[in-house]
Amino acid sequence: SDVDLEKQEIFVRCGKNKKDRVVPFSDDL
């Protein structure tokens, strides 16, 4: 559920320092 292939975004839950973030990715990936 963290990987949205349509929007090309990865939702990182509780990364370092317990912070969430959204990481976009390219057409190739």
mmCIF file of all heavy atoms, coordinates in Angstrom:
data_MODEL
# 
_entry.id   MODEL 
# 
loop_
_atom_site.group_PDB 
_atom_site.id 
_atom_site.type_symbol 
_atom_site.label_atom_id 
_atom_site.label_alt_id 
_atom_site.label_comp_id 
_atom_site.label_asym_id 
_atom_site.label_entity_id 
_atom_site.label_seq_id 
_atom_site.pdbx_PDB_ins_code 
_atom_site.Cartn_x 
_atom_site.Cartn_y 
_atom_site.Cartn_z 
_atom_site.occupancy 
_atom_site.B_iso_or_equiv 
_atom_site.pdbx_formal_charge 
_atom_site.auth_seq_id 
_atom_site.auth_comp_id 
_atom_site.auth_asym_id 
_atom_site.auth_atom_id 
_atom_site.pdbx_PDB_model_num 
ATOM 1   N N   . SER A 1 1  ? 0.810  -1.221 0.000   1.00 0.00 ? 1  SER A N   1 
ATOM 2   C CA  . SER A 1 1  ? 0.000  0.000  0.000   1.00 0.00 ? 1  SER A CA  1 
ATOM 3   C C   . SER A 1 1  ? 0.842  1.271  0.000   1.00 0.00 ? 1  SER A C   1 
ATOM 4   O O   . SER A 1 1  ? 0.324  2.368  -0.221  1.00 0.00 ? 1  SER A O   1 
ATOM 5   C CB  . SER A 1 1  ? -0.931 0.016  1.224   1.00 0.00 ? 1  SER A CB  1 
ATOM 6   O OG  . SER A 1 1  ? -0.180 -0.083 2.423   1.00 0.00 ? 1  SER A OG  1 
ATOM 7   N N   . ASP A 1 2  ? 2.149  1.130  0.241   1.00 0.00 ? 2  ASP A N   1 
ATOM 8   C CA  . ASP A 1 2  ? 3.038  2.300  0.283   1.00 0.00 ? 2  ASP A CA  1 
ATOM 9   C C   . ASP A 1 2  ? 3.554  2.704  -1.093  1.00 0.00 ? 2  ASP A C   1 
ATOM 10  O O   . ASP A 1 2  ? 4.155  3.770  -1.244  1.00 0.00 ? 2  ASP A O   1 
ATOM 11  C CB  . ASP A 1 2  ? 4.246  2.026  1.201   1.00 0.00 ? 2  ASP A CB  1 
ATOM 12  C CG  . ASP A 1 2  ? 3.847  1.815  2.643   1.00 0.00 ? 2  ASP A CG  1 
ATOM 13  O OD1 . ASP A 1 2  ? 2.852  2.418  3.065   1.00 0.00 ? 2  ASP A OD1 1 
ATOM 14  O OD2 . ASP A 1 2  ? 4.535  1.042  3.343   1.00 0.00 ? 2  ASP A OD2 1 
ATOM 15  N N   . VAL A 1 3  ? 3.359  1.849  -2.075  1.00 0.00 ? 3  VAL A N   1 
ATOM 16  C CA  . VAL A 1 3  ? 3.884  2.105  -3.425  1.00 0.00 ? 3  VAL A CA  1 
ATOM 17  C C   . VAL A 1 3  ? 2.716  2.343  -4.374  1.00 0.00 ? 3  VAL A C   1 
ATOM 18  O O   . VAL A 1 3  ? 1.939  1.431  -4.661  1.00 0.00 ? 3  VAL A O   1 
ATOM 19  C CB  . VAL A 1 3  ? 4.753  0.937  -3.920  1.00 0.00 ? 3  VAL A CB  1 
ATOM 20  C CG1 . VAL A 1 3  ? 5.327  1.249  -5.296  1.00 0.00 ? 3  VAL A CG1 1 
ATOM 21  C CG2 . VAL A 1 3  ? 5.876  0.643  -2.926  1.00 0.00 ? 3  VAL A CG2 1 
ATOM 22  N N   . ASP A 1 4  ? 2.590  3.579  -4.845  1.00 0.00 ? 4  ASP A N   1 
ATOM 23  C CA  . ASP A 1 4  ? 1.507  3.948  -5.774  1.00 0.00 ? 4  ASP A CA  1 
ATOM 24  C C   . ASP A 1 4  ? 2.093  4.012  -7.180  1.00 0.00 ? 4  ASP A C   1 
ATOM 25  O O   . ASP A 1 4  ? 2.758  4.991  -7.551  1.00 0.00 ? 4  ASP A O   1 
ATOM 26  C CB  . ASP A 1 4  ? 0.920  5.304  -5.381  1.00 0.00 ? 4  ASP A CB  1 
ATOM 27  C CG  . ASP A 1 4  ? -0.380 5.613  -6.126  1.00 0.00 ? 4  ASP A CG  1 
ATOM 28  O OD1 . ASP A 1 4  ? -0.476 5.239  -7.300  1.00 0.00 ? 4  ASP A OD1 1 
ATOM 29  O OD2 . ASP A 1 4  ? -1.266 6.245  -5.523  1.00 0.00 ? 4  ASP A OD2 1 
ATOM 30  N N   . LEU A 1 5  ? 1.863  2.960  -7.945  1.00 0.00 ? 5  LEU A N   1 
ATOM 31  C CA  . LEU A 1 5  ? 2.453  2.875  -9.284  1.00 0.00 ? 5  LEU A CA  1 
ATOM 32  C C   . LEU A 1 5  ? 1.819  3.858  -10.256 1.00 0.00 ? 5  LEU A C   1 
ATOM 33  O O   . LEU A 1 5  ? 2.466  4.284  -11.220 1.00 0.00 ? 5  LEU A O   1 
ATOM 34  C CB  . LEU A 1 5  ? 2.325  1.452  -9.815  1.00 0.00 ? 5  LEU A CB  1 
ATOM 35  C CG  . LEU A 1 5  ? 3.160  0.394  -9.075  1.00 0.00 ? 5  LEU A CG  1 
ATOM 36  C CD1 . LEU A 1 5  ? 2.820  -1.002 -9.565  1.00 0.00 ? 5  LEU A CD1 1 
ATOM 37  C CD2 . LEU A 1 5  ? 4.650  0.676  -9.244  1.00 0.00 ? 5  LEU A CD2 1 
ATOM 38  N N   . GLU A 1 6  ? 0.563  4.216  -10.032 1.00 0.00 ? 6  GLU A N   1 
ATOM 39  C CA  . GLU A 1 6  ? -0.099 5.168  -10.925 1.00 0.00 ? 6  GLU A CA  1 
ATOM 40  C C   . GLU A 1 6  ? 0.428  6.582  -10.699 1.00 0.00 ? 6  GLU A C   1 
ATOM 41  O O   . GLU A 1 6  ? 0.785  7.293  -11.638 1.00 0.00 ? 6  GLU A O   1 
ATOM 42  C CB  . GLU A 1 6  ? -1.611 5.125  -10.712 1.00 0.00 ? 6  GLU A CB  1 
ATOM 43  C CG  . GLU A 1 6  ? -2.263 3.849  -11.213 1.00 0.00 ? 6  GLU A CG  1 
ATOM 44  C CD  . GLU A 1 6  ? -1.973 3.594  -12.680 1.00 0.00 ? 6  GLU A CD  1 
ATOM 45  O OE1 . GLU A 1 6  ? -2.089 4.554  -13.487 1.00 0.00 ? 6  GLU A OE1 1 
ATOM 46  O OE2 . GLU A 1 6  ? -1.633 2.446  -13.037 1.00 0.00 ? 6  GLU A OE2 1 
ATOM 47  N N   . LYS A 1 7  ? 0.490  7.002  -9.446  1.00 0.00 ? 7  LYS A N   1 
ATOM 48  C CA  . LYS A 1 7  ? 0.996  8.344  -9.125  1.00 0.00 ? 7  LYS A CA  1 
ATOM 49  C C   . LYS A 1 7  ? 2.528  8.415  -9.168  1.00 0.00 ? 7  LYS A C   1 
ATOM 50  O O   . LYS A 1 7  ? 3.105  9.486  -9.132  1.00 0.00 ? 7  LYS A O   1 
ATOM 51  C CB  . LYS A 1 7  ? 0.517  8.776  -7.741  1.00 0.00 ? 7  LYS A CB  1 
ATOM 52  C CG  . LYS A 1 7  ? -0.971 9.043  -7.652  1.00 0.00 ? 7  LYS A CG  1 
ATOM 53  C CD  . LYS A 1 7  ? -1.315 9.564  -6.255  1.00 0.00 ? 7  LYS A CD  1 
ATOM 54  C CE  . LYS A 1 7  ? -2.793 9.890  -6.139  1.00 0.00 ? 7  LYS A CE  1 
ATOM 55  N NZ  . LYS A 1 7  ? -3.133 10.391 -4.777  1.00 0.00 ? 7  LYS A NZ  1 
ATOM 56  N N   . GLN A 1 8  ? 3.167  7.219  -9.201  1.00 0.00 ? 8  GLN A N   1 
ATOM 57  C CA  . GLN A 1 8  ? 4.627  7.121  -9.199  1.00 0.00 ? 8  GLN A CA  1 
ATOM 58  C C   . GLN A 1 8  ? 5.197  7.769  -7.942  1.00 0.00 ? 8  GLN A C   1 
ATOM 59  O O   . GLN A 1 8  ? 6.074  8.623  -7.975  1.00 0.00 ? 8  GLN A O   1 
ATOM 60  C CB  . GLN A 1 8  ? 5.228  7.742  -10.466 1.00 0.00 ? 8  GLN A CB  1 
ATOM 61  C CG  . GLN A 1 8  ? 4.813  6.986  -11.721 1.00 0.00 ? 8  GLN A CG  1 
ATOM 62  C CD  . GLN A 1 8  ? 5.385  7.571  -12.998 1.00 0.00 ? 8  GLN A CD  1 
ATOM 63  O OE1 . GLN A 1 8  ? 4.729  7.542  -14.049 1.00 0.00 ? 8  GLN A OE1 1 
ATOM 64  N NE2 . GLN A 1 8  ? 6.583  8.106  -12.945 1.00 0.00 ? 8  GLN A NE2 1 
ATOM 65  N N   . GLU A 1 9  ? 4.692  7.287  -6.809  1.00 0.00 ? 9  GLU A N   1 
ATOM 66  C CA  . GLU A 1 9  ? 5.124  7.794  -5.507  1.00 0.00 ? 9  GLU A CA  1 
ATOM 67  C C   . GLU A 1 9  ? 5.276  6.647  -4.508  1.00 0.00 ? 9  GLU A C   1 
ATOM 68  O O   . GLU A 1 9  ? 4.518  5.683  -4.538  1.00 0.00 ? 9  GLU A O   1 
ATOM 69  C CB  . GLU A 1 9  ? 4.104  8.793  -4.940  1.00 0.00 ? 9  GLU A CB  1 
ATOM 70  C CG  . GLU A 1 9  ? 4.013  10.099 -5.712  1.00 0.00 ? 9  GLU A CG  1 
ATOM 71  C CD  . GLU A 1 9  ? 2.962  11.033 -5.145  1.00 0.00 ? 9  GLU A CD  1 
ATOM 72  O OE1 . GLU A 1 9  ? 2.096  10.565 -4.362  1.00 0.00 ? 9  GLU A OE1 1 
ATOM 73  O OE2 . GLU A 1 9  ? 2.989  12.229 -5.502  1.00 0.00 ? 9  GLU A OE2 1 
ATOM 74  N N   . ILE A 1 10 ? 6.286  6.795  -3.657  1.00 0.00 ? 10 ILE A N   1 
ATOM 75  C CA  . ILE A 1 10 ? 6.495  5.854  -2.556  1.00 0.00 ? 10 ILE A CA  1 
ATOM 76  C C   . ILE A 1 10 ? 6.272  6.608  -1.256  1.00 0.00 ? 10 ILE A C   1 
ATOM 77  O O   . ILE A 1 10 ? 6.856  7.675  -1.043  1.00 0.00 ? 10 ILE A O   1 
ATOM 78  C CB  . ILE A 1 10 ? 7.917  5.258  -2.582  1.00 0.00 ? 10 ILE A CB  1 
ATOM 79  C CG1 . ILE A 1 10 ? 8.083  4.349  -3.811  1.00 0.00 ? 10 ILE A CG1 1 
ATOM 80  C CG2 . ILE A 1 10 ? 8.208  4.465  -1.306  1.00 0.00 ? 10 ILE A CG2 1 
ATOM 81  C CD1 . ILE A 1 10 ? 9.502  3.849  -4.006  1.00 0.00 ? 10 ILE A CD1 1 
ATOM 82  N N   . PHE A 1 11 ? 5.422  6.052  -0.404  1.00 0.00 ? 11 PHE A N   1 
ATOM 83  C CA  . PHE A 1 11 ? 5.166  6.673  0.890   1.00 0.00 ? 11 PHE A CA  1 
ATOM 84  C C   . PHE A 1 11 ? 6.039  5.985  1.933   1.00 0.00 ? 11 PHE A C   1 
ATOM 85  O O   . PHE A 1 11 ? 5.866  4.799  2.216   1.00 0.00 ? 11 PHE A O   1 
ATOM 86  C CB  . PHE A 1 11 ? 3.693  6.549  1.271   1.00 0.00 ? 11 PHE A CB  1 
ATOM 87  C CG  . PHE A 1 11 ? 3.347  7.259  2.554   1.00 0.00 ? 11 PHE A CG  1 
ATOM 88  C CD1 . PHE A 1 11 ? 3.416  8.638  2.645   1.00 0.00 ? 11 PHE A CD1 1 
ATOM 89  C CD2 . PHE A 1 11 ? 2.959  6.542  3.676   1.00 0.00 ? 11 PHE A CD2 1 
ATOM 90  C CE1 . PHE A 1 11 ? 3.101  9.298  3.817   1.00 0.00 ? 11 PHE A CE1 1 
ATOM 91  C CE2 . PHE A 1 11 ? 2.643  7.185  4.854   1.00 0.00 ? 11 PHE A CE2 1 
ATOM 92  C CZ  . PHE A 1 11 ? 2.714  8.576  4.929   1.00 0.00 ? 11 PHE A CZ  1 
ATOM 93  N N   . VAL A 1 12 ? 7.008  6.728  2.481   1.00 0.00 ? 12 VAL A N   1 
ATOM 94  C CA  . VAL A 1 12 ? 7.919  6.190  3.488   1.00 0.00 ? 12 VAL A CA  1 
ATOM 95  C C   . VAL A 1 12 ? 7.341  6.497  4.860   1.00 0.00 ? 12 VAL A C   1 
ATOM 96  O O   . VAL A 1 12 ? 7.212  7.658  5.241   1.00 0.00 ? 12 VAL A O   1 
ATOM 97  C CB  . VAL A 1 12 ? 9.327  6.795  3.346   1.00 0.00 ? 12 VAL A CB  1 
ATOM 98  C CG1 . VAL A 1 12 ? 10.248 6.253  4.436   1.00 0.00 ? 12 VAL A CG1 1 
ATOM 99  C CG2 . VAL A 1 12 ? 9.901  6.499  1.964   1.00 0.00 ? 12 VAL A CG2 1 
ATOM 100 N N   . ARG A 1 13 ? 7.010  5.437  5.592   1.00 0.00 ? 13 ARG A N   1 
ATOM 101 C CA  . ARG A 1 13 ? 6.429  5.607  6.925   1.00 0.00 ? 13 ARG A CA  1 
ATOM 102 C C   . ARG A 1 13 ? 7.519  5.513  7.988   1.00 0.00 ? 13 ARG A C   1 
ATOM 103 O O   . ARG A 1 13 ? 8.321  4.581  7.983   1.00 0.00 ? 13 ARG A O   1 
ATOM 104 C CB  . ARG A 1 13 ? 5.382  4.529  7.206   1.00 0.00 ? 13 ARG A CB  1 
ATOM 105 C CG  . ARG A 1 13 ? 4.252  4.511  6.189   1.00 0.00 ? 13 ARG A CG  1 
ATOM 106 C CD  . ARG A 1 13 ? 3.291  3.348  6.467   1.00 0.00 ? 13 ARG A CD  1 
ATOM 107 N NE  . ARG A 1 13 ? 2.331  3.215  5.378   1.00 0.00 ? 13 ARG A NE  1 
ATOM 108 C CZ  . ARG A 1 13 ? 1.193  3.887  5.320   1.00 0.00 ? 13 ARG A CZ  1 
ATOM 109 N NH1 . ARG A 1 13 ? 0.889  4.741  6.281   1.00 0.00 ? 13 ARG A NH1 1 
ATOM 110 N NH2 . ARG A 1 13 ? 0.360  3.717  4.309   1.00 0.00 ? 13 ARG A NH2 1 
ATOM 111 N N   . CYS A 1 14 ? 7.532  6.495  8.868   1.00 0.00 ? 14 CYS A N   1 
ATOM 112 C CA  . CYS A 1 14 ? 8.471  6.471  9.999   1.00 0.00 ? 14 CYS A CA  1 
ATOM 113 C C   . CYS A 1 14 ? 9.898  6.227  9.532   1.00 0.00 ? 14 CYS A C   1 
ATOM 114 O O   . CYS A 1 14 ? 10.549 5.254  9.926   1.00 0.00 ? 14 CYS A O   1 
ATOM 115 C CB  . CYS A 1 14 ? 8.075  5.427  11.027  1.00 0.00 ? 14 CYS A CB  1 
ATOM 116 S SG  . CYS A 1 14 ? 6.593  5.852  11.936  1.00 0.00 ? 14 CYS A SG  1 
ATOM 117 N N   . GLY A 1 15 ? 10.373 7.103  8.651   1.00 0.00 ? 15 GLY A N   1 
ATOM 118 C CA  . GLY A 1 15 ? 11.771 7.037  8.251   1.00 0.00 ? 15 GLY A CA  1 
ATOM 119 C C   . GLY A 1 15 ? 12.657 7.445  9.418   1.00 0.00 ? 15 GLY A C   1 
ATOM 120 O O   . GLY A 1 15 ? 12.229 7.414  10.574  1.00 0.00 ? 15 GLY A O   1 
ATOM 121 N N   . LYS A 1 16 ? 13.880 7.843  9.136   1.00 0.00 ? 16 LYS A N   1 
ATOM 122 C CA  . LYS A 1 16 ? 14.774 8.258  10.211  1.00 0.00 ? 16 LYS A CA  1 
ATOM 123 C C   . LYS A 1 16 ? 14.150 9.436  10.956  1.00 0.00 ? 16 LYS A C   1 
ATOM 124 O O   . LYS A 1 16 ? 13.521 10.304 10.358  1.00 0.00 ? 16 LYS A O   1 
ATOM 125 C CB  . LYS A 1 16 ? 16.137 8.658  9.628   1.00 0.00 ? 16 LYS A CB  1 
ATOM 126 C CG  . LYS A 1 16 ? 17.225 8.772  10.680  1.00 0.00 ? 16 LYS A CG  1 
ATOM 127 C CD  . LYS A 1 16 ? 18.576 8.935  10.036  1.00 0.00 ? 16 LYS A CD  1 
ATOM 128 C CE  . LYS A 1 16 ? 19.671 8.990  11.086  1.00 0.00 ? 16 LYS A CE  1 
ATOM 129 N NZ  . LYS A 1 16 ? 21.013 9.158  10.487  1.00 0.00 ? 16 LYS A NZ  1 
ATOM 130 N N   . ASN A 1 17 ? 14.332 9.448  12.275  1.00 0.00 ? 17 ASN A N   1 
ATOM 131 C CA  . ASN A 1 17 ? 13.705 10.448 13.159  1.00 0.00 ? 17 ASN A CA  1 
ATOM 132 C C   . ASN A 1 17 ? 12.183 10.349 13.150  1.00 0.00 ? 17 ASN A C   1 
ATOM 133 O O   . ASN A 1 17 ? 11.483 11.296 13.486  1.00 0.00 ? 17 ASN A O   1 
ATOM 134 C CB  . ASN A 1 17 ? 14.128 11.876 12.776  1.00 0.00 ? 17 ASN A CB  1 
ATOM 135 C CG  . ASN A 1 17 ? 15.621 12.084 12.887  1.00 0.00 ? 17 ASN A CG  1 
ATOM 136 O OD1 . ASN A 1 17 ? 16.236 11.601 13.836  1.00 0.00 ? 17 ASN A OD1 1 
ATOM 137 N ND2 . ASN A 1 17 ? 16.218 12.775 11.927  1.00 0.00 ? 17 ASN A ND2 1 
ATOM 138 N N   . LYS A 1 18 ? 11.688 9.153  12.740  1.00 0.00 ? 18 LYS A N   1 
ATOM 139 C CA  . LYS A 1 18 ? 10.246 8.856  12.754  1.00 0.00 ? 18 LYS A CA  1 
ATOM 140 C C   . LYS A 1 18 ? 9.432  9.841  11.918  1.00 0.00 ? 18 LYS A C   1 
ATOM 141 O O   . LYS A 1 18 ? 8.319  10.212 12.273  1.00 0.00 ? 18 LYS A O   1 
ATOM 142 C CB  . LYS A 1 18 ? 9.733  8.812  14.198  1.00 0.00 ? 18 LYS A CB  1 
ATOM 143 C CG  . LYS A 1 18 ? 10.353 7.685  15.026  1.00 0.00 ? 18 LYS A CG  1 
ATOM 144 C CD  . LYS A 1 18 ? 9.682  7.521  16.360  1.00 0.00 ? 18 LYS A CD  1 
ATOM 145 C CE  . LYS A 1 18 ? 10.269 6.324  17.106  1.00 0.00 ? 18 LYS A CE  1 
ATOM 146 N NZ  . LYS A 1 18 ? 9.628  6.115  18.425  1.00 0.00 ? 18 LYS A NZ  1 
ATOM 147 N N   . LYS A 1 19 ? 9.996  10.260 10.790  1.00 0.00 ? 19 LYS A N   1 
ATOM 148 C CA  . LYS A 1 19 ? 9.298  11.204 9.916   1.00 0.00 ? 19 LYS A CA  1 
ATOM 149 C C   . LYS A 1 19 ? 8.810  10.493 8.658   1.00 0.00 ? 19 LYS A C   1 
ATOM 150 O O   . LYS A 1 19 ? 9.535  9.721  8.048   1.00 0.00 ? 19 LYS A O   1 
ATOM 151 C CB  . LYS A 1 19 ? 10.230 12.364 9.531   1.00 0.00 ? 19 LYS A CB  1 
ATOM 152 C CG  . LYS A 1 19 ? 10.575 13.286 10.698  1.00 0.00 ? 19 LYS A CG  1 
ATOM 153 C CD  . LYS A 1 19 ? 11.429 14.449 10.235  1.00 0.00 ? 19 LYS A CD  1 
ATOM 154 C CE  . LYS A 1 19 ? 11.730 15.405 11.381  1.00 0.00 ? 19 LYS A CE  1 
ATOM 155 N NZ  . LYS A 1 19 ? 12.580 16.540 10.942  1.00 0.00 ? 19 LYS A NZ  1 
ATOM 156 N N   . ASP A 1 20 ? 7.562  10.800 8.273   1.00 0.00 ? 20 ASP A N   1 
ATOM 157 C CA  . ASP A 1 20 ? 7.010  10.281 7.026   1.00 0.00 ? 20 ASP A CA  1 
ATOM 158 C C   . ASP A 1 20 ? 7.412  11.205 5.872   1.00 0.00 ? 20 ASP A C   1 
ATOM 159 O O   . ASP A 1 20 ? 7.639  12.397 6.080   1.00 0.00 ? 20 ASP A O   1 
ATOM 160 C CB  . ASP A 1 20 ? 5.478  10.228 7.092   1.00 0.00 ? 20 ASP A CB  1 
ATOM 161 C CG  . ASP A 1 20 ? 4.979  9.291  8.180   1.00 0.00 ? 20 ASP A CG  1 
ATOM 162 O OD1 . ASP A 1 20 ? 5.762  8.437  8.628   1.00 0.00 ? 20 ASP A OD1 1 
ATOM 163 O OD2 . ASP A 1 20 ? 3.814  9.442  8.585   1.00 0.00 ? 20 ASP A OD2 1 
ATOM 164 N N   . ARG A 1 21 ? 7.494  10.653 4.668   1.00 0.00 ? 21 ARG A N   1 
ATOM 165 C CA  . ARG A 1 21 ? 7.733  11.497 3.494   1.00 0.00 ? 21 ARG A CA  1 
ATOM 166 C C   . ARG A 1 21 ? 7.263  10.766 2.245   1.00 0.00 ? 21 ARG A C   1 
ATOM 167 O O   . ARG A 1 21 ? 7.111  9.542  2.252   1.00 0.00 ? 21 ARG A O   1 
ATOM 168 C CB  . ARG A 1 21 ? 9.202  11.886 3.362   1.00 0.00 ? 21 ARG A CB  1 
ATOM 169 C CG  . ARG A 1 21 ? 10.153 10.796 2.910   1.00 0.00 ? 21 ARG A CG  1 
ATOM 170 C CD  . ARG A 1 21 ? 11.589 11.306 2.893   1.00 0.00 ? 21 ARG A CD  1 
ATOM 171 N NE  . ARG A 1 21 ? 12.518 10.395 2.269   1.00 0.00 ? 21 ARG A NE  1 
ATOM 172 C CZ  . ARG A 1 21 ? 13.048 9.338  2.876   1.00 0.00 ? 21 ARG A CZ  1 
ATOM 173 N NH1 . ARG A 1 21 ? 12.719 9.050  4.110   1.00 0.00 ? 21 ARG A NH1 1 
ATOM 174 N NH2 . ARG A 1 21 ? 13.906 8.547  2.227   1.00 0.00 ? 21 ARG A NH2 1 
ATOM 175 N N   . VAL A 1 22 ? 7.042  11.523 1.188   1.00 0.00 ? 22 VAL A N   1 
ATOM 176 C CA  . VAL A 1 22 ? 6.643  10.966 -0.106  1.00 0.00 ? 22 VAL A CA  1 
ATOM 177 C C   . VAL A 1 22 ? 7.817  11.113 -1.067  1.00 0.00 ? 22 VAL A C   1 
ATOM 178 O O   . VAL A 1 22 ? 8.373  12.200 -1.218  1.00 0.00 ? 22 VAL A O   1 
ATOM 179 C CB  . VAL A 1 22 ? 5.400  11.678 -0.666  1.00 0.00 ? 22 VAL A CB  1 
ATOM 180 C CG1 . VAL A 1 22 ? 5.090  11.177 -2.073  1.00 0.00 ? 22 VAL A CG1 1 
ATOM 181 C CG2 . VAL A 1 22 ? 4.205  11.456 0.256   1.00 0.00 ? 22 VAL A CG2 1 
ATOM 182 N N   . VAL A 1 23 ? 8.181  10.017 -1.703  1.00 0.00 ? 23 VAL A N   1 
ATOM 183 C CA  . VAL A 1 23 ? 9.310  10.014 -2.635  1.00 0.00 ? 23 VAL A CA  1 
ATOM 184 C C   . VAL A 1 23 ? 8.794  9.681  -4.034  1.00 0.00 ? 23 VAL A C   1 
ATOM 185 O O   . VAL A 1 23 ? 8.305  8.559  -4.263  1.00 0.00 ? 23 VAL A O   1 
ATOM 186 C CB  . VAL A 1 23 ? 10.381 8.992  -2.213  1.00 0.00 ? 23 VAL A CB  1 
ATOM 187 C CG1 . VAL A 1 23 ? 11.531 8.971  -3.221  1.00 0.00 ? 23 VAL A CG1 1 
ATOM 188 C CG2 . VAL A 1 23 ? 10.892 9.300  -0.807  1.00 0.00 ? 23 VAL A CG2 1 
ATOM 189 N N   . PRO A 1 24 ? 8.869  10.604 -4.973  1.00 0.00 ? 24 PRO A N   1 
ATOM 190 C CA  . PRO A 1 24 ? 8.427  10.317 -6.349  1.00 0.00 ? 24 PRO A CA  1 
ATOM 191 C C   . PRO A 1 24 ? 9.455  9.458  -7.080  1.00 0.00 ? 24 PRO A C   1 
ATOM 192 O O   . PRO A 1 24 ? 10.619 9.400  -6.687  1.00 0.00 ? 24 PRO A O   1 
ATOM 193 C CB  . PRO A 1 24 ? 8.334  11.714 -6.972  1.00 0.00 ? 24 PRO A CB  1 
ATOM 194 C CG  . PRO A 1 24 ? 9.338  12.521 -6.218  1.00 0.00 ? 24 PRO A CG  1 
ATOM 195 C CD  . PRO A 1 24 ? 9.345  11.991 -4.811  1.00 0.00 ? 24 PRO A CD  1 
ATOM 196 N N   . PHE A 1 25 ? 9.002  8.779  -8.134  1.00 0.00 ? 25 PHE A N   1 
ATOM 197 C CA  . PHE A 1 25 ? 9.970  8.020  -8.928  1.00 0.00 ? 25 PHE A CA  1 
ATOM 198 C C   . PHE A 1 25 ? 9.657  8.148  -10.415 1.00 0.00 ? 25 PHE A C   1 
ATOM 199 O O   . PHE A 1 25 ? 8.574  8.567  -10.822 1.00 0.00 ? 25 PHE A O   1 
ATOM 200 C CB  . PHE A 1 25 ? 10.030 6.548  -8.493  1.00 0.00 ? 25 PHE A CB  1 
ATOM 201 C CG  . PHE A 1 25 ? 8.733  5.795  -8.512  1.00 0.00 ? 25 PHE A CG  1 
ATOM 202 C CD1 . PHE A 1 25 ? 8.257  5.196  -9.671  1.00 0.00 ? 25 PHE A CD1 1 
ATOM 203 C CD2 . PHE A 1 25 ? 7.986  5.659  -7.348  1.00 0.00 ? 25 PHE A CD2 1 
ATOM 204 C CE1 . PHE A 1 25 ? 7.072  4.479  -9.690  1.00 0.00 ? 25 PHE A CE1 1 
ATOM 205 C CE2 . PHE A 1 25 ? 6.790  4.935  -7.346  1.00 0.00 ? 25 PHE A CE2 1 
ATOM 206 C CZ  . PHE A 1 25 ? 6.336  4.351  -8.523  1.00 0.00 ? 25 PHE A CZ  1 
ATOM 207 N N   . SER A 1 26 ? 10.635 7.795  -11.225 1.00 0.00 ? 26 SER A N   1 
ATOM 208 C CA  . SER A 1 26 ? 10.610 8.049  -12.668 1.00 0.00 ? 26 SER A CA  1 
ATOM 209 C C   . SER A 1 26 ? 9.813  6.998  -13.435 1.00 0.00 ? 26 SER A C   1 
ATOM 210 O O   . SER A 1 26 ? 9.407  5.955  -12.898 1.00 0.00 ? 26 SER A O   1 
ATOM 211 C CB  . SER A 1 26 ? 12.045 8.052  -13.200 1.00 0.00 ? 26 SER A CB  1 
ATOM 212 O OG  . SER A 1 26 ? 12.597 6.750  -13.085 1.00 0.00 ? 26 SER A OG  1 
ATOM 213 N N   . ASP A 1 27 ? 9.610  7.289  -14.719 1.00 0.00 ? 27 ASP A N   1 
ATOM 214 C CA  . ASP A 1 27 ? 8.940  6.341  -15.611 1.00 0.00 ? 27 ASP A CA  1 
ATOM 215 C C   . ASP A 1 27 ? 9.717  5.034  -15.717 1.00 0.00 ? 27 ASP A C   1 
ATOM 216 O O   . ASP A 1 27 ? 9.124  3.952  -15.826 1.00 0.00 ? 27 ASP A O   1 
ATOM 217 C CB  . ASP A 1 27 ? 8.769  6.950  -17.003 1.00 0.00 ? 27 ASP A CB  1 
ATOM 218 C CG  . ASP A 1 27 ? 7.774  8.103  -17.021 1.00 0.00 ? 27 ASP A CG  1 
ATOM 219 O OD1 . ASP A 1 27 ? 6.922  8.169  -16.104 1.00 0.00 ? 27 ASP A OD1 1 
ATOM 220 O OD2 . ASP A 1 27 ? 7.836  8.934  -17.945 1.00 0.00 ? 27 ASP A OD2 1 
ATOM 221 N N   . ASP A 1 28 ? 11.054 5.130  -15.719 1.00 0.00 ? 28 ASP A N   1 
ATOM 222 C CA  . ASP A 1 28 ? 11.883 3.927  -15.826 1.00 0.00 ? 28 ASP A CA  1 
ATOM 223 C C   . ASP A 1 28 ? 11.650 2.998  -14.646 1.00 0.00 ? 28 ASP A C   1 
ATOM 224 O O   . ASP A 1 28 ? 11.512 1.782  -14.810 1.00 0.00 ? 28 ASP A O   1 
ATOM 225 C CB  . ASP A 1 28 ? 13.368 4.306  -15.896 1.00 0.00 ? 28 ASP A CB  1 
ATOM 226 C CG  . ASP A 1 28 ? 13.757 4.887  -17.247 1.00 0.00 ? 28 ASP A CG  1 
ATOM 227 O OD1 . ASP A 1 28 ? 13.002 4.678  -18.210 1.00 0.00 ? 28 ASP A OD1 1 
ATOM 228 O OD2 . ASP A 1 28 ? 14.798 5.560  -17.328 1.00 0.00 ? 28 ASP A OD2 1 
ATOM 229 N N   . LEU A 1 29 ? 11.606 3.561  -13.447 1.00 0.00 ? 29 LEU A N   1 
ATOM 230 C CA  . LEU A 1 29 ? 11.380 2.724  -12.273 1.00 0.00 ? 29 LEU A CA  1 
ATOM 231 C C   . LEU A 1 29 ? 9.947  2.186  -12.266 1.00 0.00 ? 29 LEU A C   1 
ATOM 232 O O   . LEU A 1 29 ? 9.704  1.053  -11.846 1.00 0.00 ? 29 LEU A O   1 
ATOM 233 C CB  . LEU A 1 29 ? 11.662 3.490  -10.982 1.00 0.00 ? 29 LEU A CB  1 
ATOM 234 C CG  . LEU A 1 29 ? 11.528 2.662  -9.693  1.00 0.00 ? 29 LEU A CG  1 
ATOM 235 C CD1 . LEU A 1 29 ? 12.445 1.449  -9.723  1.00 0.00 ? 29 LEU A CD1 1 
ATOM 236 C CD2 . LEU A 1 29 ? 11.824 3.511  -8.457  1.00 0.00 ? 29 LEU A CD2 1 
# 
